[in-house]
Structure formats: structure tokens, C-alpha cells
Amino acid sequence: MRLLLYKQDEICVLEEELGRIDKSEPCELFLGNRRRDKNQQRKVVMKSLEEKLAEYGSFTLGGREEKSS
């Protein structure tokens, strides 16, 4: 359980960082079209977020599979 909470907090930190990046963005945001987003910092954070979400998903799905076996 603690590990899941830890992973959730990592995700929250990345989301907060994205919020800061978005607020400081001098240009119009194109969040619905990543190809038009030229902000490299946001791309790095998004990649990290993708990895953390995959880790979190593997823990939650793995736990569910063990219980059903």
C-alpha cells in the first residue's frame, strides 16, 4: 500500500510541475495536439509522467491479477 501511495505522490509532483510550465508558457497552449507543442520542458515532464503512470498501472493491475488467481 505504501508503494502505491508513493507512486501516486510522484505522479502528483509531475502534474504540479506541468501546471507551473503551463502557467509560464508565453505562447498559446496546444494540449490537444502534442505535435504543435514546441515546449521541450513539457515534453520531458510528459515522458516522465507516462513512465510513472505505467509503473503505477503495473502495480495496480499486478495486484488485481494476484488476488484473482
N, C-alpha and C. Protein backbone atom coordinates (compact mmCIF):
# COMPACT_ATOMS: atom_id res chain seq x y z
N MET A 1 0.82 -1.19 0.00
CA MET A 1 0.00 0.00 0.00
C MET A 1 0.87 1.26 0.00
N ARG A 2 1.93 1.27 0.77
CA ARG A 2 2.79 2.46 0.83
C ARG A 2 3.42 2.75 -0.52
N LEU A 3 3.77 1.70 -1.22
CA LEU A 3 4.39 1.90 -2.53
C LEU A 3 3.41 2.56 -3.50
N LEU A 4 2.17 2.16 -3.46
CA LEU A 4 1.16 2.80 -4.32
C LEU A 4 1.01 4.28 -3.98
N LEU A 5 0.99 4.59 -2.69
CA LEU A 5 0.89 5.99 -2.27
C LEU A 5 2.11 6.78 -2.72
N TYR A 6 3.26 6.16 -2.64
CA TYR A 6 4.50 6.79 -3.09
C TYR A 6 4.43 7.09 -4.59
N LYS A 7 3.95 6.12 -5.36
CA LYS A 7 3.82 6.31 -6.80
C LYS A 7 2.79 7.40 -7.12
N GLN A 8 1.70 7.44 -6.38
CA GLN A 8 0.70 8.49 -6.58
C GLN A 8 1.30 9.86 -6.32
N ASP A 9 2.13 9.97 -5.30
CA ASP A 9 2.75 11.25 -4.98
C ASP A 9 3.73 11.67 -6.08
N GLU A 10 4.47 10.71 -6.63
CA GLU A 10 5.36 11.03 -7.75
C GLU A 10 4.58 11.61 -8.93
N ILE A 11 3.42 11.02 -9.19
CA ILE A 11 2.56 11.48 -10.28
C ILE A 11 2.04 12.89 -9.98
N CYS A 12 1.64 13.13 -8.74
CA CYS A 12 1.16 14.46 -8.34
C CYS A 12 2.23 15.52 -8.51
N VAL A 13 3.46 15.20 -8.14
CA VAL A 13 4.57 16.15 -8.29
C VAL A 13 4.78 16.50 -9.76
N LEU A 14 4.72 15.51 -10.62
CA LEU A 14 4.87 15.77 -12.06
C LEU A 14 3.71 16.61 -12.60
N GLU A 15 2.50 16.34 -12.12
CA GLU A 15 1.34 17.13 -12.55
C GLU A 15 1.49 18.58 -12.11
N GLU A 16 1.99 18.80 -10.89
CA GLU A 16 2.22 20.16 -10.41
C GLU A 16 3.27 20.86 -11.26
N GLU A 17 4.30 20.14 -11.64
CA GLU A 17 5.34 20.71 -12.49
C GLU A 17 4.76 21.10 -13.86
N LEU A 18 3.89 20.25 -14.40
CA LEU A 18 3.22 20.59 -15.66
C LEU A 18 2.39 21.87 -15.51
N GLY A 19 1.73 21.99 -14.38
CA GLY A 19 0.93 23.20 -14.12
C GLY A 19 1.79 24.45 -14.12
N ARG A 20 2.96 24.36 -13.49
CA ARG A 20 3.88 25.50 -13.47
C ARG A 20 4.38 25.83 -14.88
N ILE A 21 4.69 24.80 -15.64
CA ILE A 21 5.14 25.01 -17.01
C ILE A 21 4.04 25.67 -17.83
N ASP A 22 2.81 25.17 -17.69
CA ASP A 22 1.69 25.73 -18.45
C ASP A 22 1.45 27.20 -18.10
N LYS A 23 1.55 27.55 -16.81
CA LYS A 23 1.31 28.93 -16.38
C LYS A 23 2.37 29.88 -16.91
N SER A 24 3.59 29.39 -17.06
CA SER A 24 4.67 30.25 -17.52
C SER A 24 4.81 30.25 -19.04
N GLU A 25 3.95 29.52 -19.72
CA GLU A 25 4.02 29.42 -21.19
C GLU A 25 3.67 30.76 -21.82
N PRO A 26 4.59 31.33 -22.60
CA PRO A 26 4.30 32.63 -23.21
C PRO A 26 3.39 32.53 -24.45
N CYS A 27 3.31 31.36 -25.04
CA CYS A 27 2.50 31.17 -26.25
C CYS A 27 1.23 30.40 -25.92
N GLU A 28 0.32 30.41 -26.87
CA GLU A 28 -0.92 29.66 -26.72
C GLU A 28 -0.60 28.17 -26.60
N LEU A 29 -1.32 27.49 -25.70
CA LEU A 29 -1.09 26.06 -25.49
C LEU A 29 -1.88 25.23 -26.49
N PHE A 30 -1.28 24.16 -26.95
CA PHE A 30 -1.93 23.20 -27.83
C PHE A 30 -1.90 21.84 -27.16
N LEU A 31 -2.58 21.72 -26.03
CA LEU A 31 -2.50 20.49 -25.25
C LEU A 31 -3.17 19.32 -25.96
N GLY A 32 -4.08 19.59 -26.87
CA GLY A 32 -4.75 18.52 -27.59
C GLY A 32 -3.97 18.02 -28.79
N ASN A 33 -2.85 18.67 -29.09
CA ASN A 33 -2.06 18.27 -30.25
C ASN A 33 -0.58 18.38 -29.90
N ARG A 34 0.00 17.29 -29.47
CA ARG A 34 1.38 17.30 -28.99
C ARG A 34 2.38 17.67 -30.08
N ARG A 35 2.04 17.45 -31.33
CA ARG A 35 2.95 17.79 -32.42
C ARG A 35 3.12 19.30 -32.57
N ARG A 36 2.13 20.05 -32.14
CA ARG A 36 2.21 21.51 -32.22
C ARG A 36 2.84 22.12 -30.98
N ASP A 37 3.04 21.33 -29.94
CA ASP A 37 3.63 21.82 -28.69
C ASP A 37 5.15 21.85 -28.84
N LYS A 38 5.72 23.03 -28.82
CA LYS A 38 7.17 23.19 -29.01
C LYS A 38 7.93 23.32 -27.68
N ASN A 39 7.24 23.20 -26.56
CA ASN A 39 7.87 23.35 -25.26
C ASN A 39 8.58 22.05 -24.87
N GLN A 40 9.91 22.07 -24.95
CA GLN A 40 10.70 20.86 -24.67
C GLN A 40 10.62 20.44 -23.21
N GLN A 41 10.52 21.42 -22.31
CA GLN A 41 10.42 21.10 -20.89
C GLN A 41 9.15 20.30 -20.61
N ARG A 42 8.05 20.72 -21.23
CA ARG A 42 6.78 20.00 -21.04
C ARG A 42 6.88 18.59 -21.61
N LYS A 43 7.56 18.44 -22.74
CA LYS A 43 7.72 17.11 -23.34
C LYS A 43 8.49 16.18 -22.42
N VAL A 44 9.52 16.69 -21.77
CA VAL A 44 10.32 15.88 -20.84
C VAL A 44 9.46 15.44 -19.65
N VAL A 45 8.70 16.38 -19.09
CA VAL A 45 7.85 16.05 -17.95
C VAL A 45 6.75 15.08 -18.36
N MET A 46 6.18 15.27 -19.54
CA MET A 46 5.15 14.36 -20.02
C MET A 46 5.69 12.94 -20.18
N LYS A 47 6.91 12.82 -20.67
CA LYS A 47 7.53 11.50 -20.82
C LYS A 47 7.72 10.86 -19.44
N SER A 48 8.18 11.64 -18.47
CA SER A 48 8.35 11.13 -17.10
C SER A 48 7.00 10.71 -16.52
N LEU A 49 5.99 11.51 -16.78
CA LEU A 49 4.65 11.19 -16.30
C LEU A 49 4.13 9.90 -16.91
N GLU A 50 4.38 9.73 -18.20
CA GLU A 50 3.98 8.50 -18.88
C GLU A 50 4.64 7.27 -18.22
N GLU A 51 5.91 7.39 -17.91
CA GLU A 51 6.64 6.28 -17.27
C GLU A 51 6.09 5.99 -15.87
N LYS A 52 5.83 7.05 -15.10
CA LYS A 52 5.32 6.86 -13.73
C LYS A 52 3.92 6.25 -13.76
N LEU A 53 3.10 6.67 -14.71
CA LEU A 53 1.75 6.09 -14.82
C LEU A 53 1.82 4.62 -15.21
N ALA A 54 2.76 4.27 -16.07
CA ALA A 54 2.92 2.86 -16.45
C ALA A 54 3.36 2.04 -15.24
N GLU A 55 4.28 2.59 -14.45
CA GLU A 55 4.72 1.89 -13.23
C GLU A 55 3.54 1.70 -12.28
N TYR A 56 2.79 2.78 -12.08
CA TYR A 56 1.64 2.72 -11.18
C TYR A 56 0.63 1.69 -11.68
N GLY A 57 0.37 1.70 -12.97
CA GLY A 57 -0.57 0.74 -13.55
C GLY A 57 -0.11 -0.69 -13.39
N SER A 58 1.19 -0.92 -13.50
CA SER A 58 1.69 -2.29 -13.34
C SER A 58 1.50 -2.78 -11.91
N PHE A 59 1.62 -1.87 -10.94
CA PHE A 59 1.39 -2.25 -9.55
C PHE A 59 -0.08 -2.54 -9.29
N THR A 60 -0.96 -1.69 -9.81
CA THR A 60 -2.39 -1.88 -9.54
C THR A 60 -2.94 -3.08 -10.30
N LEU A 61 -2.55 -3.25 -11.55
CA LEU A 61 -3.02 -4.40 -12.32
C LEU A 61 -2.40 -5.69 -11.81
N GLY A 62 -1.13 -5.63 -11.43
CA GLY A 62 -0.46 -6.81 -10.90
C GLY A 62 -1.11 -7.30 -9.61
N GLY A 63 -1.49 -6.38 -8.75
CA GLY A 63 -2.15 -6.75 -7.52
C GLY A 63 -3.51 -7.38 -7.75
N ARG A 64 -4.21 -6.88 -8.74
CA ARG A 64 -5.54 -7.40 -9.06
C ARG A 64 -5.42 -8.83 -9.62
N GLU A 65 -4.41 -9.06 -10.46
CA GLU A 65 -4.23 -10.39 -11.06
C GLU A 65 -3.85 -11.41 -10.01
N GLU A 66 -3.03 -11.00 -9.03
CA GLU A 66 -2.62 -11.94 -7.96
C GLU A 66 -3.81 -12.34 -7.11
N LYS A 67 -4.72 -11.39 -6.82
CA LYS A 67 -5.88 -11.68 -5.99
C LYS A 67 -6.85 -12.61 -6.70
N SER A 68 -6.96 -12.50 -8.01
CA SER A 68 -7.94 -13.32 -8.74
C SER A 68 -7.40 -14.71 -9.03
N SER A 69 -6.10 -14.93 -8.88
CA SER A 69 -5.52 -16.25 -9.16
C SER A 69 -5.76 -17.23 -8.03
